[in-house]
Amino acid sequence: MSSRAISFDVIGASIEPFDFIAREYDRIFTKSAIGMAQRAQVTRQLYRIFRPGSHVLELNCGTGEDALGLGTRGVQVTAFDSSSRMIGVAKQRLLSETLLRDVTFEVLRNEQLELLDGRFDGAFSNFSGMNCLRDWSSFAAQLSRLVRPGGHFLLCIMGRVCPWEMLYFLLRGKRRAAFRRNSGRVLAHIDEHPVNLFYKSAGEARAAFAPHFALRGWRGIGVFVPPSYCEAFIRPRRKLLTALATLDRWFSHLPGLRCLGDHVLLDFVRSPQ
């Protein structure tokens, strides 16, 4: 999920909003210069951990970019998203991949994991879908039924502290927006449709997933690469973006820096039963 086309307000009720940007999502984020730079950081970890022949569960799959990428590498992926239109786009993309047989897309909300059965070698959720979920402890308990002991759960969420965002809005005189993540919860508007977002630190995420999962490690995503709403600034400056992406690759895993990303990537491992 990208921050582009999202505005923030006070806390309120939320509805399912992502149907309204499904057709534009790949243009807005997936294929944007910043989106590709940030996604590349996550993709390296996905390909390192999930090997050909494994069966992986993806949640909050959006338009299917990660599932299709893993599928081309011989990974079986069962992917879900709460947005029926996002899933519709993903299925259309799958139709053009005639050689892929082991990738499936269906509609399912994070709160509905109890409807799933089976055992997966691992699972992941990329780019902030989990920021829309309030109760992570119940989610972790349900997920633990589905992931085999020793299996990884890679979780990419929006970080709690983002210096790029602070600078971006302070320069525009929007102090409240600059520090909005610090409260831990804000109301976003996607195409004028509200959705609550919950920002958790790595420590809070670790506590929510215990005792079912242990946090093995984590890194920042977009510590140096800016958030997607800086696309107009960064797109003409490809050499700068390449340099920032290189800095992310080299340094975003370091303590003191990894908590400053636009997103953070948490690597959980399913605890033994």
C-alpha atoms as a PDB file:
ATOM      1  CA  MET A   1       0.000   0.000   0.000  1.00  0.00           C
ATOM      2  CA  SER A   2       1.376   3.354  -0.933  1.00  0.00           C
ATOM      3  CA  SER A   3       1.021   6.662   0.849  1.00  0.00           C
ATOM      4  CA  ARG A   4       0.287   8.420  -2.458  1.00  0.00           C
ATOM      5  CA  ALA A   5      -3.310   9.599  -2.907  1.00  0.00           C
ATOM      6  CA  ILE A   6      -3.863   9.188   0.837  1.00  0.00           C
ATOM      7  CA  SER A   7      -4.728  12.162   3.052  1.00  0.00           C
ATOM      8  CA  PHE A   8      -4.967  12.094   6.832  1.00  0.00           C
ATOM      9  CA  ASP A   9      -7.523  13.390   9.307  1.00  0.00           C
ATOM     10  CA  VAL A  10      -8.735  12.727  12.848  1.00  0.00           C
ATOM     11  CA  ILE A  11      -9.721   9.270  14.075  1.00  0.00           C
ATOM     12  CA  GLY A  12     -13.037   7.898  12.917  1.00  0.00           C
ATOM     13  CA  ALA A  13     -14.762   4.864  11.472  1.00  0.00           C
ATOM     14  CA  SER A  14     -13.210   2.967   8.581  1.00  0.00           C
ATOM     15  CA  ILE A  15     -14.566   1.160   5.537  1.00  0.00           C
ATOM     16  CA  GLU A  16     -12.995  -0.915   2.795  1.00  0.00           C
ATOM     17  CA  PRO A  17     -11.460   1.759   0.514  1.00  0.00           C
ATOM     18  CA  PHE A  18      -9.029   0.059  -1.829  1.00  0.00           C
ATOM     19  CA  ASP A  19     -11.563  -0.920  -4.477  1.00  0.00           C
ATOM     20  CA  PHE A  20     -11.582   2.721  -5.502  1.00  0.00           C
ATOM     21  CA  ILE A  21      -7.881   2.851  -6.445  1.00  0.00           C
ATOM     22  CA  ALA A  22      -7.408  -0.718  -7.693  1.00  0.00           C
ATOM     23  CA  ARG A  23      -7.187   0.207 -11.389  1.00  0.00           C
ATOM     24  CA  GLU A  24      -4.700   2.995 -10.675  1.00  0.00           C
ATOM     25  CA  TYR A  25      -2.617   1.299  -7.989  1.00  0.00           C
ATOM     26  CA  ASP A  26       0.088  -0.087 -10.265  1.00  0.00           C
ATOM     27  CA  ARG A  27       0.568   3.314 -11.880  1.00  0.00           C
ATOM     28  CA  ILE A  28       0.473   5.128  -8.539  1.00  0.00           C
ATOM     29  CA  PHE A  29       2.895   2.842  -6.708  1.00  0.00           C
ATOM     30  CA  THR A  30       3.894  -0.538  -8.173  1.00  0.00           C
ATOM     31  CA  LYS A  31       5.408   0.885 -11.362  1.00  0.00           C
ATOM     32  CA  SER A  32       6.486   4.232  -9.906  1.00  0.00           C
ATOM     33  CA  ALA A  33      10.206   4.923  -9.519  1.00  0.00           C
ATOM     34  CA  ILE A  34       9.960   5.038  -5.724  1.00  0.00           C
ATOM     35  CA  GLY A  35       7.633   2.038  -5.566  1.00  0.00           C
ATOM     36  CA  MET A  36      10.039  -0.101  -7.581  1.00  0.00           C
ATOM     37  CA  ALA A  37      13.020   1.034  -5.490  1.00  0.00           C
ATOM     38  CA  GLN A  38      11.291   0.238  -2.198  1.00  0.00           C
ATOM     39  CA  ARG A  39       9.826  -3.028  -3.469  1.00  0.00           C
ATOM     40  CA  ALA A  40      13.239  -4.213  -4.657  1.00  0.00           C
ATOM     41  CA  GLN A  41      14.448  -4.134  -1.055  1.00  0.00           C
ATOM     42  CA  VAL A  42      11.599  -6.419   0.034  1.00  0.00           C
ATOM     43  CA  THR A  43      11.856  -8.651  -3.038  1.00  0.00           C
ATOM     44  CA  ARG A  44      15.462  -9.528  -2.253  1.00  0.00           C
ATOM     45  CA  GLN A  45      14.355 -10.883   1.116  1.00  0.00           C
ATOM     46  CA  LEU A  46      11.328 -12.710  -0.314  1.00  0.00           C
ATOM     47  CA  TYR A  47      13.483 -14.504  -2.896  1.00  0.00           C
ATOM     48  CA  ARG A  48      16.131 -15.319  -0.306  1.00  0.00           C
ATOM     49  CA  ILE A  49      13.709 -16.929   2.145  1.00  0.00           C
ATOM     50  CA  PHE A  50      11.017 -18.514  -0.040  1.00  0.00           C
ATOM     51  CA  ARG A  51      12.635 -21.113  -2.257  1.00  0.00           C
ATOM     52  CA  PRO A  52      11.312 -22.924  -5.352  1.00  0.00           C
ATOM     53  CA  GLY A  53       8.966 -25.770  -4.450  1.00  0.00           C
ATOM     54  CA  SER A  54       7.669 -24.130  -1.265  1.00  0.00           C
ATOM     55  CA  HIS A  55       4.019 -23.159  -0.734  1.00  0.00           C
ATOM     56  CA  VAL A  56       3.578 -19.631   0.592  1.00  0.00           C
ATOM     57  CA  LEU A  57       0.572 -17.688   1.865  1.00  0.00           C
ATOM     58  CA  GLU A  58       0.362 -14.018   0.879  1.00  0.00           C
ATOM     59  CA  LEU A  59      -1.981 -11.628   2.655  1.00  0.00           C
ATOM     60  CA  ASN A  60      -2.853  -8.116   1.438  1.00  0.00           C
ATOM     61  CA  CYS A  61      -1.571  -9.069  -2.017  1.00  0.00           C
ATOM     62  CA  GLY A  62      -2.943  -6.022  -3.854  1.00  0.00           C
ATOM     63  CA  THR A  63      -2.584  -6.417  -7.606  1.00  0.00           C
ATOM     64  CA  GLY A  64      -0.379  -9.498  -7.282  1.00  0.00           C
ATOM     65  CA  GLU A  65       3.095  -8.139  -8.034  1.00  0.00           C
ATOM     66  CA  ASP A  66       4.905 -10.207  -5.405  1.00  0.00           C
ATOM     67  CA  ALA A  67       2.898 -13.392  -5.926  1.00  0.00           C
ATOM     68  CA  LEU A  68       3.564 -13.318  -9.666  1.00  0.00           C
ATOM     69  CA  GLY A  69       7.260 -12.673  -9.101  1.00  0.00           C
ATOM     70  CA  LEU A  70       7.560 -15.615  -6.727  1.00  0.00           C
ATOM     71  CA  GLY A  71       5.515 -17.780  -9.073  1.00  0.00           C
ATOM     72  CA  THR A  72       7.979 -17.242 -11.898  1.00  0.00           C
ATOM     73  CA  ARG A  73      10.668 -18.610  -9.560  1.00  0.00           C
ATOM     74  CA  GLY A  74       8.807 -21.855  -8.880  1.00  0.00           C
ATOM     75  CA  VAL A  75       7.150 -20.868  -5.594  1.00  0.00           C
ATOM     76  CA  GLN A  76       3.506 -21.845  -5.120  1.00  0.00           C
ATOM     77  CA  VAL A  77       1.574 -18.840  -3.805  1.00  0.00           C
ATOM     78  CA  THR A  78      -1.945 -18.672  -2.398  1.00  0.00           C
ATOM     79  CA  ALA A  79      -2.726 -14.955  -2.236  1.00  0.00           C
ATOM     80  CA  PHE A  80      -5.559 -12.972  -0.644  1.00  0.00           C
ATOM     81  CA  ASP A  81      -6.693  -9.374  -0.406  1.00  0.00           C
ATOM     82  CA  SER A  82      -9.734  -7.714   1.131  1.00  0.00           C
ATOM     83  CA  SER A  83     -10.382  -5.700  -2.037  1.00  0.00           C
ATOM     84  CA  SER A  84     -12.337  -7.597  -4.683  1.00  0.00           C
ATOM     85  CA  ARG A  85     -11.214  -5.111  -7.340  1.00  0.00           C
ATOM     86  CA  MET A  86      -7.550  -5.528  -6.408  1.00  0.00           C
ATOM     87  CA  ILE A  87      -8.050  -9.279  -6.759  1.00  0.00           C
ATOM     88  CA  GLY A  88      -9.760  -8.687 -10.093  1.00  0.00           C
ATOM     89  CA  VAL A  89      -6.696  -6.822 -11.374  1.00  0.00           C
ATOM     90  CA  ALA A  90      -4.415  -9.563 -10.018  1.00  0.00           C
ATOM     91  CA  LYS A  91      -6.413 -12.267 -11.807  1.00  0.00           C
ATOM     92  CA  GLN A  92      -6.249 -10.317 -15.062  1.00  0.00           C
ATOM     93  CA  ARG A  93      -2.483 -10.090 -14.704  1.00  0.00           C
ATOM     94  CA  LEU A  94      -2.331 -13.821 -14.005  1.00  0.00           C
ATOM     95  CA  LEU A  95      -4.154 -14.561 -17.253  1.00  0.00           C
ATOM     96  CA  SER A  96      -1.251 -13.057 -19.185  1.00  0.00           C
ATOM     97  CA  GLU A  97       1.225 -15.327 -17.374  1.00  0.00           C
ATOM     98  CA  THR A  98       0.354 -18.513 -19.257  1.00  0.00           C
ATOM     99  CA  LEU A  99       3.186 -20.547 -17.728  1.00  0.00           C
ATOM    100  CA  LEU A 100       2.139 -19.919 -14.114  1.00  0.00           C
ATOM    101  CA  ARG A 101       0.062 -22.743 -12.667  1.00  0.00           C
ATOM    102  CA  ASP A 102       0.705 -22.421  -8.943  1.00  0.00           C
ATOM    103  CA  VAL A 103      -0.481 -18.884  -8.141  1.00  0.00           C
ATOM    104  CA  THR A 104      -4.058 -18.250  -7.019  1.00  0.00           C
ATOM    105  CA  PHE A 105      -5.850 -15.056  -5.974  1.00  0.00           C
ATOM    106  CA  GLU A 106      -8.980 -14.822  -3.822  1.00  0.00           C
ATOM    107  CA  VAL A 107     -10.782 -12.294  -1.603  1.00  0.00           C
ATOM    108  CA  LEU A 108     -10.227 -12.592   2.153  1.00  0.00           C
ATOM    109  CA  ARG A 109      -9.834 -10.061   4.964  1.00  0.00           C
ATOM    110  CA  ASN A 110      -7.125 -10.315   7.602  1.00  0.00           C
ATOM    111  CA  GLU A 111      -9.845 -10.778  10.205  1.00  0.00           C
ATOM    112  CA  GLN A 112     -11.071 -13.926   8.430  1.00  0.00           C
ATOM    113  CA  LEU A 113      -8.033 -16.207   8.731  1.00  0.00           C
ATOM    114  CA  GLU A 114     -10.124 -18.681  10.718  1.00  0.00           C
ATOM    115  CA  LEU A 115     -11.802 -19.560   7.408  1.00  0.00           C
ATOM    116  CA  LEU A 116      -8.537 -20.982   6.050  1.00  0.00           C
ATOM    117  CA  ASP A 117      -7.184 -24.481   6.561  1.00  0.00           C
ATOM    118  CA  GLY A 118      -3.973 -26.184   5.576  1.00  0.00           C
ATOM    119  CA  ARG A 119      -0.282 -25.743   6.226  1.00  0.00           C
ATOM    120  CA  PHE A 120       2.063 -23.309   4.481  1.00  0.00           C
ATOM    121  CA  ASP A 121       5.852 -23.231   4.384  1.00  0.00           C
ATOM    122  CA  GLY A 122       5.736 -19.508   5.080  1.00  0.00           C
ATOM    123  CA  ALA A 123       3.703 -16.337   4.699  1.00  0.00           C
ATOM    124  CA  PHE A 124       4.151 -12.650   4.012  1.00  0.00           C
ATOM    125  CA  SER A 125       2.314  -9.340   3.849  1.00  0.00           C
ATOM    126  CA  ASN A 126       3.907  -6.507   1.890  1.00  0.00           C
ATOM    127  CA  PHE A 127       3.472  -2.744   1.981  1.00  0.00           C
ATOM    128  CA  SER A 128       1.248  -1.910   4.870  1.00  0.00           C
ATOM    129  CA  GLY A 129      -1.903  -3.982   4.529  1.00  0.00           C
ATOM    130  CA  MET A 130      -1.413  -4.977   8.154  1.00  0.00           C
ATOM    131  CA  ASN A 131      -1.424  -1.316   9.195  1.00  0.00           C
ATOM    132  CA  CYS A 132      -5.193  -1.461   8.615  1.00  0.00           C
ATOM    133  CA  LEU A 133      -5.639  -4.169  11.277  1.00  0.00           C
ATOM    134  CA  ARG A 134      -6.131  -3.243  14.929  1.00  0.00           C
ATOM    135  CA  ASP A 135      -5.823  -6.650  16.667  1.00  0.00           C
ATOM    136  CA  TRP A 136      -2.492  -8.235  15.742  1.00  0.00           C
ATOM    137  CA  SER A 137      -2.493 -10.742  18.610  1.00  0.00           C
ATOM    138  CA  SER A 138      -5.619 -12.552  17.376  1.00  0.00           C
ATOM    139  CA  PHE A 139      -4.246 -12.437  13.835  1.00  0.00           C
ATOM    140  CA  ALA A 140      -0.976 -14.025  14.994  1.00  0.00           C
ATOM    141  CA  ALA A 141      -2.826 -16.830  16.769  1.00  0.00           C
ATOM    142  CA  GLN A 142      -4.799 -17.651  13.608  1.00  0.00           C
ATOM    143  CA  LEU A 143      -1.723 -17.375  11.392  1.00  0.00           C
ATOM    144  CA  SER A 144       0.152 -19.802  13.620  1.00  0.00           C
ATOM    145  CA  ARG A 145      -2.340 -22.544  12.604  1.00  0.00           C
ATOM    146  CA  LEU A 146      -1.389 -22.037   8.977  1.00  0.00           C
ATOM    147  CA  VAL A 147       2.408 -21.701   9.039  1.00  0.00           C
ATOM    148  CA  ARG A 148       4.534 -24.738   9.849  1.00  0.00           C
ATOM    149  CA  PRO A 149       6.975 -24.488  12.787  1.00  0.00           C
ATOM    150  CA  GLY A 150      10.173 -22.889  11.569  1.00  0.00           C
ATOM    151  CA  GLY A 151       8.384 -21.142   8.684  1.00  0.00           C
ATOM    152  CA  HIS A 152       8.943 -17.427   8.114  1.00  0.00           C
ATOM    153  CA  PHE A 153       6.378 -14.646   8.153  1.00  0.00           C
ATOM    154  CA  LEU A 154       7.746 -11.528   6.431  1.00  0.00           C
ATOM    155  CA  LEU A 155       5.784  -8.448   7.411  1.00  0.00           C
ATOM    156  CA  CYS A 156       6.302  -5.072   5.724  1.00  0.00           C
ATOM    157  CA  ILE A 157       4.480  -2.222   7.457  1.00  0.00           C
ATOM    158  CA  MET A 158       4.642   1.562   7.572  1.00  0.00           C
ATOM    159  CA  GLY A 159       7.159   2.629  10.199  1.00  0.00           C
ATOM    160  CA  ARG A 160       6.433   4.648  13.313  1.00  0.00           C
ATOM    161  CA  VAL A 161       9.079   7.321  12.588  1.00  0.00           C
ATOM    162  CA  CYS A 162       9.810   8.600   9.067  1.00  0.00           C
ATOM    163  CA  PRO A 163      12.193  11.606   8.838  1.00  0.00           C
ATOM    164  CA  TRP A 164      11.414  12.015   5.131  1.00  0.00           C
ATOM    165  CA  GLU A 165       7.741  12.476   5.977  1.00  0.00           C
ATOM    166  CA  MET A 166       8.494  14.903   8.787  1.00  0.00           C
ATOM    167  CA  LEU A 167      10.658  17.048   6.525  1.00  0.00           C
ATOM    168  CA  TYR A 168       8.189  16.884   3.634  1.00  0.00           C
ATOM    169  CA  PHE A 169       5.274  18.239   5.657  1.00  0.00           C
ATOM    170  CA  LEU A 170       7.238  20.653   7.862  1.00  0.00           C
ATOM    171  CA  LEU A 171       8.482  22.390   4.717  1.00  0.00           C
ATOM    172  CA  ARG A 172       4.818  22.806   3.773  1.00  0.00           C
ATOM    173  CA  GLY A 173       3.842  24.161   7.179  1.00  0.00           C
ATOM    174  CA  LYS A 174       1.829  21.055   8.087  1.00  0.00           C
ATOM    175  CA  ARG A 175       3.171  20.196  11.518  1.00  0.00           C
ATOM    176  CA  ARG A 176       0.294  17.899  12.443  1.00  0.00           C
ATOM    177  CA  ALA A 177       0.789  15.794   9.318  1.00  0.00           C
ATOM    178  CA  ALA A 178       4.558  15.726   9.880  1.00  0.00           C
ATOM    179  CA  PHE A 179       4.192  13.914  13.206  1.00  0.00           C
ATOM    180  CA  ARG A 180       0.993  11.961  12.531  1.00  0.00           C
ATOM    181  CA  ARG A 181       2.614   8.538  12.856  1.00  0.00           C
ATOM    182  CA  ASN A 182       3.773   9.242  16.407  1.00  0.00           C
ATOM    183  CA  SER A 183       0.251   8.854  17.783  1.00  0.00           C
ATOM    184  CA  GLY A 184       0.142   5.231  16.649  1.00  0.00           C
ATOM    185  CA  ARG A 185      -3.226   5.648  14.950  1.00  0.00           C
ATOM    186  CA  VAL A 186      -4.631   8.057  12.356  1.00  0.00           C
ATOM    187  CA  LEU A 187      -7.475   8.186   9.897  1.00  0.00           C
ATOM    188  CA  ALA A 188      -6.468   8.033   6.228  1.00  0.00           C
ATOM    189  CA  HIS A 189      -8.634   8.953   3.263  1.00  0.00           C
ATOM    190  CA  ILE A 190      -8.147   6.989   0.072  1.00  0.00           C
ATOM    191  CA  ASP A 191     -10.082   8.580  -2.753  1.00  0.00           C
ATOM    192  CA  GLU A 192     -12.155  10.285  -0.022  1.00  0.00           C
ATOM    193  CA  HIS A 193     -12.965   6.973   1.676  1.00  0.00           C
ATOM    194  CA  PRO A 194     -11.766   6.691   5.296  1.00  0.00           C
ATOM    195  CA  VAL A 195      -9.656   3.914   6.774  1.00  0.00           C
ATOM    196  CA  ASN A 196      -7.926   3.730  10.136  1.00  0.00           C
ATOM    197  CA  LEU A 197      -4.187   3.042  10.091  1.00  0.00           C
ATOM    198  CA  PHE A 198      -2.308   1.664  13.085  1.00  0.00           C
ATOM    199  CA  TYR A 199       1.434   2.274  13.408  1.00  0.00           C
ATOM    200  CA  LYS A 200       3.381  -0.156  15.580  1.00  0.00           C
ATOM    201  CA  SER A 201       7.013  -0.184  16.599  1.00  0.00           C
ATOM    202  CA  ALA A 202       9.120  -3.318  16.170  1.00  0.00           C
ATOM    203  CA  GLY A 203       8.822  -3.931  19.908  1.00  0.00           C
ATOM    204  CA  GLU A 204       5.038  -3.681  19.808  1.00  0.00           C
ATOM    205  CA  ALA A 205       4.928  -6.030  16.811  1.00  0.00           C
ATOM    206  CA  ARG A 206       7.187  -8.523  18.613  1.00  0.00           C
ATOM    207  CA  ALA A 207       4.896  -8.504  21.646  1.00  0.00           C
ATOM    208  CA  ALA A 208       1.755  -8.899  19.516  1.00  0.00           C
ATOM    209  CA  PHE A 209       3.097 -11.961  17.684  1.00  0.00           C
ATOM    210  CA  ALA A 210       4.495 -13.706  20.762  1.00  0.00           C
ATOM    211  CA  PRO A 211       4.348 -16.527  21.735  1.00  0.00           C
ATOM    212  CA  HIS A 212       3.476 -17.912  18.294  1.00  0.00           C
ATOM    213  CA  PHE A 213       6.288 -16.191  16.363  1.00  0.00           C
ATOM    214  CA  ALA A 214       9.764 -14.988  17.266  1.00  0.00           C
ATOM    215  CA  LEU A 215      11.215 -11.855  15.659  1.00  0.00           C
ATOM    216  CA  ARG A 216      14.396 -13.042  13.967  1.00  0.00           C
ATOM    217  CA  GLY A 217      15.453  -9.703  12.500  1.00  0.00           C
ATOM    218  CA  TRP A 218      14.227  -6.535  10.826  1.00  0.00           C
ATOM    219  CA  ARG A 219      15.342  -3.688   8.580  1.00  0.00           C
ATOM    220  CA  GLY A 220      14.120  -0.362   7.298  1.00  0.00           C
ATOM    221  CA  ILE A 221      12.529  -0.048   3.862  1.00  0.00           C
ATOM    222  CA  GLY A 222      12.882   3.480   2.521  1.00  0.00           C
ATOM    223  CA  VAL A 223      15.275   4.871   5.105  1.00  0.00           C
ATOM    224  CA  PHE A 224      17.052   6.825   2.368  1.00  0.00           C
ATOM    225  CA  VAL A 225      14.560   6.314  -0.485  1.00  0.00           C
ATOM    226  CA  PRO A 226      11.669   8.726   0.203  1.00  0.00           C
ATOM    227  CA  PRO A 227       7.934   7.914   0.465  1.00  0.00           C
ATOM    228  CA  SER A 228       5.914   7.595  -2.711  1.00  0.00           C
ATOM    229  CA  TYR A 229       4.389  11.074  -2.492  1.00  0.00           C
ATOM    230  CA  CYS A 230       7.880  12.399  -3.381  1.00  0.00           C
ATOM    231  CA  GLU A 231       7.603  10.743  -6.805  1.00  0.00           C
ATOM    232  CA  ALA A 232       7.330  14.020  -8.738  1.00  0.00           C
ATOM    233  CA  PHE A 233      10.590  15.210  -7.183  1.00  0.00           C
ATOM    234  CA  ILE A 234      12.554  11.983  -7.494  1.00  0.00           C
ATOM    235  CA  ARG A 235      11.477  10.642 -10.905  1.00  0.00           C
ATOM    236  CA  PRO A 236      13.593  13.068 -12.984  1.00  0.00           C
ATOM    237  CA  ARG A 237      16.568  12.433 -10.665  1.00  0.00           C
ATOM    238  CA  ARG A 238      17.270   8.778 -11.409  1.00  0.00           C
ATOM    239  CA  LYS A 239      20.944   8.952 -10.405  1.00  0.00           C
ATOM    240  CA  LEU A 240      19.942  10.330  -7.021  1.00  0.00           C
ATOM    241  CA  LEU A 241      17.343   7.586  -6.573  1.00  0.00           C
ATOM    242  CA  THR A 242      19.923   4.940  -7.497  1.00  0.00           C
ATOM    243  CA  ALA A 243      22.317   6.356  -4.912  1.00  0.00           C
ATOM    244  CA  LEU A 244      19.616   6.446  -2.223  1.00  0.00           C
ATOM    245  CA  ALA A 245      18.569   2.867  -3.015  1.00  0.00           C
ATOM    246  CA  THR A 246      22.206   1.773  -2.696  1.00  0.00           C
ATOM    247  CA  LEU A 247      22.441   3.420   0.711  1.00  0.00           C
ATOM    248  CA  ASP A 248      19.280   1.571   1.754  1.00  0.00           C
ATOM    249  CA  ARG A 249      20.753  -1.731   0.619  1.00  0.00           C
ATOM    250  CA  TRP A 250      23.956  -1.159   2.550  1.00  0.00           C
ATOM    251  CA  PHE A 251      22.786   0.491   5.745  1.00  0.00           C
ATOM    252  CA  SER A 252      19.028   0.104   6.366  1.00  0.00           C
ATOM    253  CA  HIS A 253      19.560  -3.017   8.509  1.00  0.00           C
ATOM    254  CA  LEU A 254      21.664  -1.140  11.083  1.00  0.00           C
ATOM    255  CA  PRO A 255      20.295  -0.409  14.574  1.00  0.00           C
ATOM    256  CA  GLY A 256      19.541   3.279  14.881  1.00  0.00           C
ATOM    257  CA  LEU A 257      18.721   3.569  11.178  1.00  0.00           C
ATOM    258  CA  ARG A 258      16.326   0.679  10.556  1.00  0.00           C
ATOM    259  CA  CYS A 259      13.570   2.280  12.654  1.00  0.00           C
ATOM    260  CA  LEU A 260      13.576   5.388  10.421  1.00  0.00           C
ATOM    261  CA  GLY A 261      12.179   3.853   7.238  1.00  0.00           C
ATOM    262  CA  ASP A 262       9.002   4.804   5.435  1.00  0.00           C
ATOM    263  CA  HIS A 263       8.365   1.079   5.975  1.00  0.00           C
ATOM    264  CA  VAL A 264      10.020  -1.591   8.074  1.00  0.00           C
ATOM    265  CA  LEU A 265      10.373  -5.267   7.156  1.00  0.00           C
ATOM    266  CA  LEU A 266      10.028  -7.697  10.066  1.00  0.00           C
ATOM    267  CA  ASP A 267      11.182 -11.302   9.757  1.00  0.00           C
ATOM    268  CA  PHE A 268       9.201 -13.540  12.127  1.00  0.00           C
ATOM    269  CA  VAL A 269       9.765 -17.285  12.511  1.00  0.00           C
ATOM    270  CA  ARG A 270       6.999 -19.627  13.626  1.00  0.00           C
ATOM    271  CA  SER A 271       7.819 -21.000  17.071  1.00  0.00           C
ATOM    272  CA  PRO A 272       7.930 -24.775  17.676  1.00  0.00           C
ATOM    273  CA  GLN A 273       4.672 -26.280  18.862  1.00  0.00           C
END
